[in-house]
PDB file of N, CA and C in Angstrom:
ATOM      1  N   MET A   1      90.102  88.448  70.411  1.00  0.00           N
ATOM      2  CA  MET A   1      89.433  89.836  70.791  1.00  0.00           C
ATOM      3  C   MET A   1      90.784  91.075  70.379  1.00  0.00           C
ATOM      4  N   ILE A   2      90.219  92.037  69.692  1.00  0.00           N
ATOM      5  CA  ILE A   2      91.057  93.258  69.139  1.00  0.00           C
ATOM      6  C   ILE A   2      90.573  94.571  69.433  1.00  0.00           C
ATOM      7  N   TRP A   3      91.854  94.799  70.319  1.00  0.00           N
ATOM      8  CA  TRP A   3      91.374  96.321  70.687  1.00  0.00           C
ATOM      9  C   TRP A   3      91.777  97.544  70.108  1.00  0.00           C
ATOM     10  N   PHE A   4      91.449  98.482  69.710  1.00  0.00           N
ATOM     11  CA  PHE A   4      92.728  99.542  68.959  1.00  0.00           C
ATOM     12  C   PHE A   4      92.236 100.632  69.874  1.00  0.00           C
ATOM     13  N   PHE A   5      93.446 101.527  69.097  1.00  0.00           N
ATOM     14  CA  PHE A   5      94.524 102.361  70.412  1.00  0.00           C
ATOM     15  C   PHE A   5      94.759 103.123  69.393  1.00  0.00           C
ATOM     16  N   GLU A   6      94.249 104.836  69.574  1.00  0.00           N
ATOM     17  CA  GLU A   6      94.799 106.014  68.499  1.00  0.00           C
ATOM     18  C   GLU A   6      96.009 106.970  69.872  1.00  0.00           C
ATOM     19  N   ARG A   7      96.720 107.631  69.053  1.00  0.00           N
ATOM     20  CA  ARG A   7      97.322 108.622  70.030  1.00  0.00           C
ATOM     21  C   ARG A   7      97.781 110.108  68.812  1.00  0.00           C
ATOM     22  N   GLU A   8      97.208 110.556  68.580  1.00  0.00           N
ATOM     23  CA  GLU A   8      97.430 111.651  67.611  1.00  0.00           C
ATOM     24  C   GLU A   8      96.796 110.840  66.682  1.00  0.00           C
ATOM     25  N   ARG A   9      97.908 110.674  65.144  1.00  0.00           N
ATOM     26  CA  ARG A   9      97.518 110.350  64.577  1.00  0.00           C
ATOM     27  C   ARG A   9      98.264 108.765  64.292  1.00  0.00           C
ATOM     28  N   ASP A  10      99.133 108.281  64.893  1.00  0.00           N
ATOM     29  CA  ASP A  10      98.987 106.467  65.171  1.00  0.00           C
ATOM     30  C   ASP A  10      97.586 105.805  65.421  1.00  0.00           C
ATOM     31  N   ARG A  11      97.476 104.463  65.528  1.00  0.00           N
ATOM     32  CA  ARG A  11      97.102 103.517  65.729  1.00  0.00           C
ATOM     33  C   ARG A  11      97.663 101.846  66.293  1.00  0.00           C
ATOM     34  N   LEU A  12      97.563 101.981  67.077  1.00  0.00           N
ATOM     35  CA  LEU A  12      97.933 100.427  67.624  1.00  0.00           C
ATOM     36  C   LEU A  12      97.010  99.350  67.857  1.00  0.00           C
ATOM     37  N   ARG A  13      97.265  98.276  68.005  1.00  0.00           N
ATOM     38  CA  ARG A  13      95.847  97.471  67.980  1.00  0.00           C
ATOM     39  C   ARG A  13      96.810  96.321  68.710  1.00  0.00           C
ATOM     40  N   TYR A  14      96.041  95.839  69.736  1.00  0.00           N
ATOM     41  CA  TYR A  14      96.708  94.600  70.971  1.00  0.00           C
ATOM     42  C   TYR A  14      95.757  93.637  70.500  1.00  0.00           C
ATOM     43  N   GLU A  15      95.653  92.122  70.083  1.00  0.00           N
ATOM     44  CA  GLU A  15      95.117  90.830  70.103  1.00  0.00           C
ATOM     45  C   GLU A  15      95.305  90.027  70.966  1.00  0.00           C
ATOM     46  N   ILE A  16      94.296  89.387  71.727  1.00  0.00           N
ATOM     47  CA  ILE A  16      94.897  88.081  71.993  1.00  0.00           C
ATOM     48  C   ILE A  16      94.400  86.754  71.908  1.00  0.00           C
ATOM     49  N   ARG A  17      94.773  85.590  70.977  1.00  0.00           N
ATOM     50  CA  ARG A  17      94.387  84.867  70.023  1.00  0.00           C
ATOM     51  C   ARG A  17      94.828  83.785  71.220  1.00  0.00           C
ATOM     52  N   HIS A  18      94.206  82.511  70.140  1.00  0.00           N
ATOM     53  CA  HIS A  18      95.112  80.943  70.589  1.00  0.00           C
ATOM     54  C   HIS A  18      96.239  80.760  69.906  1.00  0.00           C
ATOM     55  N   HIS A  19      97.069  80.265  70.391  1.00  0.00           N
ATOM     56  CA  HIS A  19      98.570  80.295  69.896  1.00  0.00           C
ATOM     57  C   HIS A  19      97.651  78.438  68.388  1.00  0.00           C
ATOM     58  N   VAL A  20      98.247  79.128  67.191  1.00  0.00           N
ATOM     59  CA  VAL A  20      97.541  77.871  66.161  1.00  0.00           C
ATOM     60  C   VAL A  20      97.952  76.918  66.751  1.00  0.00           C
ATOM     61  N   ALA A  21      99.265  76.036  66.895  1.00  0.00           N
ATOM     62  CA  ALA A  21     100.343  74.819  67.200  1.00  0.00           C
ATOM     63  C   ALA A  21      99.939  75.035  68.775  1.00  0.00           C
ATOM     64  N   GLY A  22      98.487  74.820  69.198  1.00  0.00           N
ATOM     65  CA  GLY A  22      98.765  74.683  70.854  1.00  0.00           C
ATOM     66  C   GLY A  22      97.232  75.267  71.708  1.00  0.00           C
ATOM     67  N   THR A  23      97.453  75.011  73.045  1.00  0.00           N
ATOM     68  CA  THR A  23      96.094  75.822  73.977  1.00  0.00           C
ATOM     69  C   THR A  23      96.942  76.581  74.108  1.00  0.00           C
ATOM     70  N   ASP A  24      97.979  77.344  74.422  1.00  0.00           N
ATOM     71  CA  ASP A  24      98.279  78.323  74.571  1.00  0.00           C
ATOM     72  C   ASP A  24      97.556  79.539  74.239  1.00  0.00           C
ATOM     73  N   PHE A  25      98.311  80.701  74.954  1.00  0.00           N
ATOM     74  CA  PHE A  25      97.359  81.618  74.487  1.00  0.00           C
ATOM     75  C   PHE A  25      98.264  83.548  74.223  1.00  0.00           C
ATOM     76  N   GLU A  26      98.132  83.683  72.925  1.00  0.00           N
ATOM     77  CA  GLU A  26      99.036  84.254  72.489  1.00  0.00           C
ATOM     78  C   GLU A  26      98.373  85.458  72.791  1.00  0.00           C
ATOM     79  N   LEU A  27      99.520  87.091  73.465  1.00  0.00           N
ATOM     80  CA  LEU A  27      98.815  88.857  73.340  1.00  0.00           C
ATOM     81  C   LEU A  27      99.719  89.589  72.070  1.00  0.00           C
ATOM     82  N   VAL A  28      99.560  89.485  70.896  1.00  0.00           N
ATOM     83  CA  VAL A  28     100.230  90.507  70.167  1.00  0.00           C
ATOM     84  C   VAL A  28      99.771  91.750  69.830  1.00  0.00           C
ATOM     85  N   VAL A  29     100.854  92.649  70.219  1.00  0.00           N
ATOM     86  CA  VAL A  29     101.035  94.703  69.680  1.00  0.00           C
ATOM     87  C   VAL A  29     101.317  94.316  68.797  1.00  0.00           C
ATOM     88  N   THR A  30     100.348  95.328  67.669  1.00  0.00           N
ATOM     89  CA  THR A  30     100.751  95.904  66.598  1.00  0.00           C
ATOM     90  C   THR A  30     101.327  97.025  66.453  1.00  0.00           C
ATOM     91  N   TYR A  31     101.982  97.553  66.605  1.00  0.00           N
ATOM     92  CA  TYR A  31     102.722  98.897  66.395  1.00  0.00           C
ATOM     93  C   TYR A  31     102.256  99.708  65.383  1.00  0.00           C
ATOM     94  N   PRO A  32     102.032 101.290  65.002  1.00  0.00           N
ATOM     95  CA  PRO A  32     101.691 102.152  64.427  1.00  0.00           C
ATOM     96  C   PRO A  32     102.945 101.850  63.163  1.00  0.00           C
ATOM     97  N   ASP A  33     104.532 101.573  63.457  1.00  0.00           N
ATOM     98  CA  ASP A  33     105.009 101.650  62.361  1.00  0.00           C
ATOM     99  C   ASP A  33     105.243  99.780  61.971  1.00  0.00           C
ATOM    100  N   GLY A  34     104.293  98.530  62.194  1.00  0.00           N
ATOM    101  CA  GLY A  34     104.413  97.553  61.494  1.00  0.00           C
ATOM    102  C   GLY A  34     104.894  96.365  62.054  1.00  0.00           C
ATOM    103  N   ARG A  35     105.441  96.915  63.006  1.00  0.00           N
ATOM    104  CA  ARG A  35     106.074  95.805  64.249  1.00  0.00           C
ATOM    105  C   ARG A  35     105.460  95.375  65.429  1.00  0.00           C
ATOM    106  N   GLN A  36     105.228  94.006  65.556  1.00  0.00           N
ATOM    107  CA  GLN A  36     104.760  93.376  66.537  1.00  0.00           C
ATOM    108  C   GLN A  36     105.711  92.738  67.274  1.00  0.00           C
ATOM    109  N   ARG A  37     105.116  92.644  68.906  1.00  0.00           N
ATOM    110  CA  ARG A  37     105.482  92.169  70.105  1.00  0.00           C
ATOM    111  C   ARG A  37     104.023  90.919  70.207  1.00  0.00           C
ATOM    112  N   VAL A  38     104.800  89.720  70.487  1.00  0.00           N
ATOM    113  CA  VAL A  38     103.936  88.804  70.725  1.00  0.00           C
ATOM    114  C   VAL A  38     104.510  87.827  71.732  1.00  0.00           C
ATOM    115  N   GLU A  39     103.368  87.278  73.377  1.00  0.00           N
ATOM    116  CA  GLU A  39     103.792  87.058  74.292  1.00  0.00           C
ATOM    117  C   GLU A  39     102.682  86.456  74.417  1.00  0.00           C
ATOM    118  N   ARG A  40     103.570  84.912  75.062  1.00  0.00           N
ATOM    119  CA  ARG A  40     102.375  83.547  74.914  1.00  0.00           C
ATOM    120  C   ARG A  40     101.993  83.518  76.295  1.00  0.00           C
ATOM    121  N   ALA A  41     101.341  82.967  76.481  1.00  0.00           N
ATOM    122  CA  ALA A  41     100.734  82.196  78.405  1.00  0.00           C
ATOM    123  C   ALA A  41      99.831  81.124  78.202  1.00  0.00           C
ATOM    124  N   ALA A  42     100.310  80.146  78.826  1.00  0.00           N
ATOM    125  CA  ALA A  42      98.951  79.148  79.356  1.00  0.00           C
ATOM    126  C   ALA A  42      98.535  79.182  79.785  1.00  0.00           C
ATOM    127  N   ASP A  43      98.577  80.405  80.781  1.00  0.00           N
ATOM    128  CA  ASP A  43      97.508  80.238  82.399  1.00  0.00           C
ATOM    129  C   ASP A  43      96.895  81.460  82.050  1.00  0.00           C
ATOM    130  N   PRO A  44      95.307  80.997  81.541  1.00  0.00           N
ATOM    131  CA  PRO A  44      93.882  82.240  81.605  1.00  0.00           C
ATOM    132  C   PRO A  44      93.982  83.423  82.248  1.00  0.00           C
ATOM    133  N   ARG A  45      94.243  83.093  82.987  1.00  0.00           N
ATOM    134  CA  ARG A  45      94.401  84.808  84.449  1.00  0.00           C
ATOM    135  C   ARG A  45      95.354  84.903  84.073  1.00  0.00           C
ATOM    136  N   GLU A  46      96.474  84.156  84.094  1.00  0.00           N
ATOM    137  CA  GLU A  46      98.434  85.462  83.813  1.00  0.00           C
ATOM    138  C   GLU A  46      98.414  86.105  82.924  1.00  0.00           C
ATOM    139  N   LEU A  47      97.537  85.842  81.478  1.00  0.00           N
ATOM    140  CA  LEU A  47      97.056  86.675  80.534  1.00  0.00           C
ATOM    141  C   LEU A  47      96.188  87.552  80.799  1.00  0.00           C
ATOM    142  N   LEU A  48      95.080  87.969  81.799  1.00  0.00           N
ATOM    143  CA  LEU A  48      94.269  88.522  82.434  1.00  0.00           C
ATOM    144  C   LEU A  48      95.019  89.659  83.059  1.00  0.00           C
ATOM    145  N   VAL A  49      96.302  89.150  83.730  1.00  0.00           N
ATOM    146  CA  VAL A  49      96.735  90.445  84.262  1.00  0.00           C
ATOM    147  C   VAL A  49      97.642  90.989  83.010  1.00  0.00           C
ATOM    148  N   ARG A  50      98.052  90.462  82.210  1.00  0.00           N
ATOM    149  CA  ARG A  50      99.417  90.900  81.459  1.00  0.00           C
ATOM    150  C   ARG A  50      98.504  91.904  80.743  1.00  0.00           C
ATOM    151  N   THR A  51      97.303  91.849  80.315  1.00  0.00           N
ATOM    152  CA  THR A  51      96.766  92.683  79.198  1.00  0.00           C
ATOM    153  C   THR A  51      96.106  93.592  80.530  1.00  0.00           C
ATOM    154  N   GLY A  52      95.455  93.198  81.194  1.00  0.00           N
ATOM    155  CA  GLY A  52      95.378  94.703  82.124  1.00  0.00           C
ATOM    156  C   GLY A  52      96.521  95.540  82.373  1.00  0.00           C
ATOM    157  N   LEU A  53      97.577  95.163  82.687  1.00  0.00           N
ATOM    158  CA  LEU A  53      98.788  96.034  82.740  1.00  0.00           C
ATOM    159  C   LEU A  53      99.188  96.924  81.480  1.00  0.00           C
ATOM    160  N   LEU A  54      98.688  95.794  80.336  1.00  0.00           N
ATOM    161  CA  LEU A  54      99.390  96.640  79.053  1.00  0.00           C
ATOM    162  C   LEU A  54      98.767  97.600  78.908  1.00  0.00           C
ATOM    163  N   ARG A  55      96.914  97.505  78.999  1.00  0.00           N
ATOM    164  CA  ARG A  55      95.720  98.805  78.575  1.00  0.00           C
ATOM    165  C   ARG A  55      96.339  99.948  79.748  1.00  0.00           C
ATOM    166  N   SER A  56      96.847  99.351  80.815  1.00  0.00           N
ATOM    167  CA  SER A  56      97.145 100.553  81.770  1.00  0.00           C
ATOM    168  C   SER A  56      98.425 101.228  81.545  1.00  0.00           C
ATOM    169  N   ALA A  57      99.724 101.163  80.491  1.00  0.00           N
ATOM    170  CA  ALA A  57     100.243 101.297  80.324  1.00  0.00           C
ATOM    171  C   ALA A  57     100.317 102.279  78.950  1.00  0.00           C
ATOM    172  N   LEU A  58      99.422 101.530  78.331  1.00  0.00           N
ATOM    173  CA  LEU A  58      98.560 102.320  77.075  1.00  0.00           C
ATOM    174  C   LEU A  58      98.480 103.820  77.220  1.00  0.00           C
ATOM    175  N   VAL A  59      97.749 103.887  78.019  1.00  0.00           N
ATOM    176  CA  VAL A  59      96.553 104.914  78.945  1.00  0.00           C
ATOM    177  C   VAL A  59      97.539 105.847  78.759  1.00  0.00           C
ATOM    178  N   ARG A  60      98.570 105.636  80.215  1.00  0.00           N
ATOM    179  CA  ARG A  60      99.678 106.438  80.629  1.00  0.00           C
ATOM    180  C   ARG A  60     100.011 107.602  80.048  1.00  0.00           C
ATOM    181  N   ASP A  61     100.810 106.215  78.715  1.00  0.00           N
ATOM    182  CA  ASP A  61     101.460 106.999  77.549  1.00  0.00           C
ATOM    183  C   ASP A  61     100.893 107.239  76.285  1.00  0.00           C
ATOM    184  N   GLY A  62      99.299 107.449  77.014  1.00  0.00           N
ATOM    185  CA  GLY A  62      98.770 108.665  76.447  1.00  0.00           C
ATOM    186  C   GLY A  62      97.782 108.054  74.786  1.00  0.00           C
ATOM    187  N   TRP A  63      97.626 107.117  74.916  1.00  0.00           N
ATOM    188  CA  TRP A  63      96.581 106.158  73.742  1.00  0.00           C
ATOM    189  C   TRP A  63      95.552 105.939  74.471  1.00  0.00           C
ATOM    190  N   ARG A  64      94.041 106.467  73.653  1.00  0.00           N
ATOM    191  CA  ARG A  64      92.692 105.909  74.144  1.00  0.00           C
ATOM    192  C   ARG A  64      92.740 105.180  73.124  1.00  0.00           C
ATOM    193  N   ALA A  65      91.930 104.289  73.938  1.00  0.00           N
ATOM    194  CA  ALA A  65      90.638 103.047  73.209  1.00  0.00           C
ATOM    195  C   ALA A  65      89.777 103.396  72.378  1.00  0.00           C
ATOM    196  N   ILE A  66      89.711 102.735  71.003  1.00  0.00           N
ATOM    197  CA  ILE A  66      88.788 103.559  70.196  1.00  0.00           C
ATOM    198  C   ILE A  66      87.975 102.163  69.649  1.00  0.00           C
ATOM    199  N   GLY A  67      88.046 101.498  69.714  1.00  0.00           N
ATOM    200  CA  GLY A  67      87.013 100.342  69.308  1.00  0.00           C
ATOM    201  C   GLY A  67      87.345  98.865  70.230  1.00  0.00           C
ATOM    202  N   VAL A  68      86.531  98.166  69.582  1.00  0.00           N
ATOM    203  CA  VAL A  68      87.144  96.491  70.085  1.00  0.00           C
ATOM    204  C   VAL A  68      86.331  95.963  69.340  1.00  0.00           C
ATOM    205  N   ARG A  69      87.072  94.560  68.860  1.00  0.00           N
ATOM    206  CA  ARG A  69      86.289  94.085  67.708  1.00  0.00           C
ATOM    207  C   ARG A  69      86.549  92.495  68.040  1.00  0.00           C
TER     208      ARG A  69
END
């Protein structure tokens, strides 16, 4: 699943996906300048908690959700 956020003219996206070489999950944040941050989690509950914290931090920093794919 991919979420898109916007702040002024910048766009950011974050994605939850399965790691290609195993059963772990990845949380991938792609910043407007193209940098990526990848966090891996084996436990889906841990991933959901981290996702909620990330969404809250983005909103606090002025980002607003513009779509999900």
